[in-house]
């Protein structure tokens, strides 16, 4: 992975990968349609298992939506992998979700990195705390509610849904989840188990992205 310095970097990467470019264009169109139809402003994006690579896709979606003029908040909700934070070079020094989870909603703005080289796109890193998982769910819920008043859409990168409770926590907070499935690698039983877990929450799966990325 390389750090993203500007929207040009990742947009060039998308253009150079026709499959990714078409996929991002299609997913963005569907997100916009469903967002208007169902009136939601936040979306959790999570791989079914650790086989899938989700960070590049979610960052591509965020940049594409921001480039279309929407104000986007991208949240690194994976406290362990910190994939989005790594892409933006924020993994080692900037506080974020971990600290917010242990703090108060009034401190929320301290953890938002404004326009990290990309106009209309703000980022909340995973943070530097060594928390094993999300805590203080009420604070996180309040944070999302507050930010929905400021942004057109909030995208949350979550860990593998099959075996991480944090993904179900994010799903309960937000209510909508988009799954990433790796073609020819994701096991059908894992997809089935993941859908069952989600059915026990307050969230609904709005769709799935079938990724070729290894």
Protein backbone atom coordinates (compact mmCIF):
# COMPACT_ATOMS: atom_id res chain seq x y z
CA UNK A 1 0.00 0.00 0.00
CA UNK A 2 1.14 3.55 -0.71
CA UNK A 3 0.15 6.72 1.05
CA UNK A 4 -2.43 8.84 -0.71
CA UNK A 5 -1.29 12.41 -1.21
CA UNK A 6 -4.12 13.71 -3.35
CA UNK A 7 -7.26 12.74 -5.19
CA UNK A 8 -5.19 12.63 -8.40
CA UNK A 9 -3.14 9.72 -7.02
CA UNK A 10 -6.05 7.39 -6.48
CA UNK A 11 -8.13 8.64 -9.40
CA UNK A 12 -5.16 7.87 -11.65
CA UNK A 13 -4.96 4.42 -10.08
CA UNK A 14 -8.65 3.88 -10.76
CA UNK A 15 -8.30 5.02 -14.37
CA UNK A 16 -5.32 2.70 -14.89
CA UNK A 17 -7.35 -0.24 -13.61
CA UNK A 18 -10.40 -0.43 -15.84
CA UNK A 19 -12.02 -3.19 -13.78
CA UNK A 20 -11.67 -1.20 -10.54
CA UNK A 21 -12.82 1.98 -12.27
CA UNK A 22 -16.00 0.39 -13.59
CA UNK A 23 -16.64 -1.28 -10.25
CA UNK A 24 -16.25 1.98 -8.31
CA UNK A 25 -18.49 3.82 -10.78
CA UNK A 26 -21.17 1.14 -10.51
CA UNK A 27 -21.04 0.89 -6.70
CA UNK A 28 -21.14 4.68 -6.29
CA UNK A 29 -24.19 4.89 -8.53
CA UNK A 30 -25.95 2.22 -6.49
CA UNK A 31 -24.99 3.84 -3.18
CA UNK A 32 -26.37 7.18 -4.37
CA UNK A 33 -29.60 5.53 -5.54
CA UNK A 34 -30.11 3.59 -2.32
CA UNK A 35 -29.14 6.59 -0.20
CA UNK A 36 -31.88 8.66 -1.78
CA UNK A 37 -34.42 5.85 -1.73
CA UNK A 38 -33.83 4.79 1.88
CA UNK A 39 -32.74 8.19 3.24
CA UNK A 40 -29.61 6.94 4.99
CA UNK A 41 -26.38 8.90 5.36
CA UNK A 42 -24.03 6.32 6.89
CA UNK A 43 -22.85 3.00 5.50
CA UNK A 44 -20.64 0.26 6.96
CA UNK A 45 -18.45 -1.52 4.40
CA UNK A 46 -16.95 -4.81 5.55
CA UNK A 47 -15.33 -7.88 4.04
CA UNK A 48 -16.93 -11.21 4.86
CA UNK A 49 -13.61 -12.68 5.99
CA UNK A 50 -9.94 -11.75 6.07
CA UNK A 51 -9.55 -13.06 2.54
CA UNK A 52 -11.01 -9.88 1.11
CA UNK A 53 -9.14 -6.62 0.71
CA UNK A 54 -11.52 -3.76 1.43
CA UNK A 55 -9.41 -0.67 2.14
CA UNK A 56 -8.50 0.16 -1.47
CA UNK A 57 -12.12 -0.20 -2.53
CA UNK A 58 -13.62 1.89 0.26
CA UNK A 59 -11.03 4.65 -0.23
CA UNK A 60 -11.72 4.60 -3.97
CA UNK A 61 -15.45 4.93 -3.27
CA UNK A 62 -14.86 7.79 -0.84
CA UNK A 63 -12.63 9.68 -3.27
CA UNK A 64 -15.05 9.14 -6.15
CA UNK A 65 -18.02 10.39 -4.12
CA UNK A 66 -16.01 13.38 -2.86
CA UNK A 67 -14.88 14.20 -6.40
CA UNK A 68 -18.53 14.32 -7.46
CA UNK A 69 -19.08 17.17 -5.00
CA UNK A 70 -20.42 15.27 -2.00
CA UNK A 71 -18.97 16.00 1.42
CA UNK A 72 -17.68 12.64 2.65
CA UNK A 73 -16.46 11.42 6.04
CA UNK A 74 -14.36 8.25 5.87
CA UNK A 75 -14.05 6.41 9.18
CA UNK A 76 -11.42 3.77 9.88
CA UNK A 77 -13.50 1.51 12.09
CA UNK A 78 -11.00 -1.35 12.21
CA UNK A 79 -8.93 -0.87 15.37
CA UNK A 80 -6.61 -3.76 14.54
CA UNK A 81 -5.77 -3.64 10.82
CA UNK A 82 -6.08 0.18 10.49
CA UNK A 83 -6.03 -0.22 6.72
CA UNK A 84 -7.55 3.15 5.83
CA UNK A 85 -5.29 4.93 8.32
CA UNK A 86 -2.26 3.28 6.70
CA UNK A 87 -3.29 4.44 3.25
CA UNK A 88 -3.46 8.02 4.52
CA UNK A 89 -0.27 7.74 6.58
CA UNK A 90 -2.18 8.29 9.84
CA UNK A 91 -1.68 4.98 11.60
CA UNK A 92 1.07 5.81 14.07
CA UNK A 93 0.58 9.34 15.29
CA UNK A 94 -3.02 10.54 15.05
CA UNK A 95 -5.79 9.85 17.55
CA UNK A 96 -9.13 8.61 16.28
CA UNK A 97 -11.91 6.08 16.88
CA UNK A 98 -10.09 4.27 19.69
CA UNK A 99 -9.68 7.48 21.68
CA UNK A 100 -13.19 8.67 20.82
CA UNK A 101 -14.58 5.34 21.98
CA UNK A 102 -12.94 5.96 25.34
CA UNK A 103 -13.92 9.65 25.46
CA UNK A 104 -16.95 11.88 24.97
CA UNK A 105 -18.87 13.16 21.93
CA UNK A 106 -17.74 16.71 22.73
CA UNK A 107 -14.21 15.65 21.78
CA UNK A 108 -15.27 14.28 18.38
CA UNK A 109 -13.96 17.13 16.24
CA UNK A 110 -10.49 16.58 17.67
CA UNK A 111 -10.29 13.26 15.83
CA UNK A 112 -11.42 14.37 12.37
CA UNK A 113 -8.58 14.98 9.90
CA UNK A 114 -9.99 17.57 7.47
CA UNK A 115 -9.40 17.14 3.74
CA UNK A 116 -6.46 14.75 3.99
CA UNK A 117 -5.08 15.90 0.64
CA UNK A 118 -8.47 15.36 -0.99
CA UNK A 119 -11.15 18.10 -1.24
CA UNK A 120 -14.53 17.22 0.31
CA UNK A 121 -13.07 14.14 2.03
CA UNK A 122 -12.39 14.13 5.78
CA UNK A 123 -10.96 11.13 7.60
CA UNK A 124 -11.27 9.72 11.12
CA UNK A 125 -8.29 7.40 11.78
CA UNK A 126 -8.51 4.22 13.83
CA UNK A 127 -6.39 5.87 16.52
CA UNK A 128 -3.31 4.94 18.51
CA UNK A 129 -4.88 3.34 21.58
CA UNK A 130 -4.35 -0.38 22.12
CA UNK A 131 -8.02 -1.12 22.68
CA UNK A 132 -9.07 -4.71 21.89
CA UNK A 133 -12.40 -3.51 20.55
CA UNK A 134 -14.98 -0.77 20.51
CA UNK A 135 -16.29 0.50 23.83
CA UNK A 136 -18.69 3.25 24.89
CA UNK A 137 -21.18 2.53 22.13
CA UNK A 138 -23.41 5.47 23.10
CA UNK A 139 -20.57 7.89 22.42
CA UNK A 140 -19.94 6.37 18.98
CA UNK A 141 -23.66 6.50 18.16
CA UNK A 142 -23.84 10.16 19.16
CA UNK A 143 -20.74 10.89 17.11
CA UNK A 144 -22.26 9.36 13.97
CA UNK A 145 -25.55 11.22 14.53
CA UNK A 146 -23.69 14.51 14.88
CA UNK A 147 -21.61 13.99 11.77
CA UNK A 148 -24.63 13.02 9.67
CA UNK A 149 -25.74 16.64 10.05
CA UNK A 150 -22.47 17.84 8.50
CA UNK A 151 -21.76 15.31 5.75
CA UNK A 152 -23.60 14.00 2.71
CA UNK A 153 -22.39 10.48 3.42
CA UNK A 154 -20.28 8.65 6.01
CA UNK A 155 -18.39 5.50 4.99
CA UNK A 156 -17.09 3.22 7.74
CA UNK A 157 -14.41 0.64 7.01
CA UNK A 158 -15.08 -2.30 9.34
CA UNK A 159 -13.16 -5.53 10.05
CA UNK A 160 -14.07 -8.96 8.74
CA UNK A 161 -17.73 -9.60 9.53
CA UNK A 162 -17.42 -13.34 10.04
CA UNK A 163 -15.38 -13.17 13.25
CA UNK A 164 -15.24 -9.62 14.61
CA UNK A 165 -17.86 -8.24 16.99
CA UNK A 166 -16.87 -4.65 16.13
CA UNK A 167 -18.45 -5.04 12.68
CA UNK A 168 -21.76 -5.99 14.27
CA UNK A 169 -21.44 -3.01 16.64
CA UNK A 170 -20.93 -0.65 13.70
CA UNK A 171 -23.81 -2.30 11.86
CA UNK A 172 -26.11 -1.77 14.84
CA UNK A 173 -25.06 1.87 15.14
CA UNK A 174 -25.43 2.70 11.45
CA UNK A 175 -28.12 0.32 10.23
CA UNK A 176 -26.79 -0.34 6.71
CA UNK A 177 -23.99 -2.64 5.64
CA UNK A 178 -22.30 -3.38 2.32
CA UNK A 179 -20.39 -6.67 2.14
CA UNK A 180 -17.24 -7.37 0.15
CA UNK A 181 -16.90 -10.89 -1.22
CA UNK A 182 -13.72 -12.21 -2.84
CA UNK A 183 -14.46 -14.10 -6.03
CA UNK A 184 -13.37 -17.77 -5.93
CA UNK A 185 -12.01 -17.39 -2.39
CA UNK A 186 -14.80 -16.46 0.00
CA UNK A 187 -16.45 -19.60 1.32
CA UNK A 188 -20.21 -19.92 0.88
CA UNK A 189 -20.55 -21.08 4.48
CA UNK A 190 -18.82 -17.88 5.65
CA UNK A 191 -21.26 -15.75 3.65
CA UNK A 192 -24.18 -17.70 5.10
CA UNK A 193 -22.83 -17.40 8.65
CA UNK A 194 -22.22 -13.67 8.20
CA UNK A 195 -25.74 -13.04 6.93
CA UNK A 196 -27.12 -14.95 9.92
CA UNK A 197 -25.08 -12.82 12.33
CA UNK A 198 -26.28 -9.63 10.68
CA UNK A 199 -29.89 -10.84 10.86
CA UNK A 200 -29.55 -10.76 14.65
CA UNK A 201 -28.73 -7.04 14.59
CA UNK A 202 -30.76 -3.98 13.70
CA UNK A 203 -28.89 -3.64 10.41
CA UNK A 204 -29.69 -4.71 6.88
CA UNK A 205 -27.37 -5.68 4.05
CA UNK A 206 -27.99 -3.29 1.17
CA UNK A 207 -25.79 -5.23 -1.22
CA UNK A 208 -22.51 -6.99 -1.89
CA UNK A 209 -19.43 -6.14 -3.95
CA UNK A 210 -17.66 -9.04 -5.63
CA UNK A 211 -13.98 -8.19 -5.66
CA UNK A 212 -11.19 -9.64 -7.78
CA UNK A 213 -8.53 -8.06 -5.59
CA UNK A 214 -6.25 -10.49 -3.82
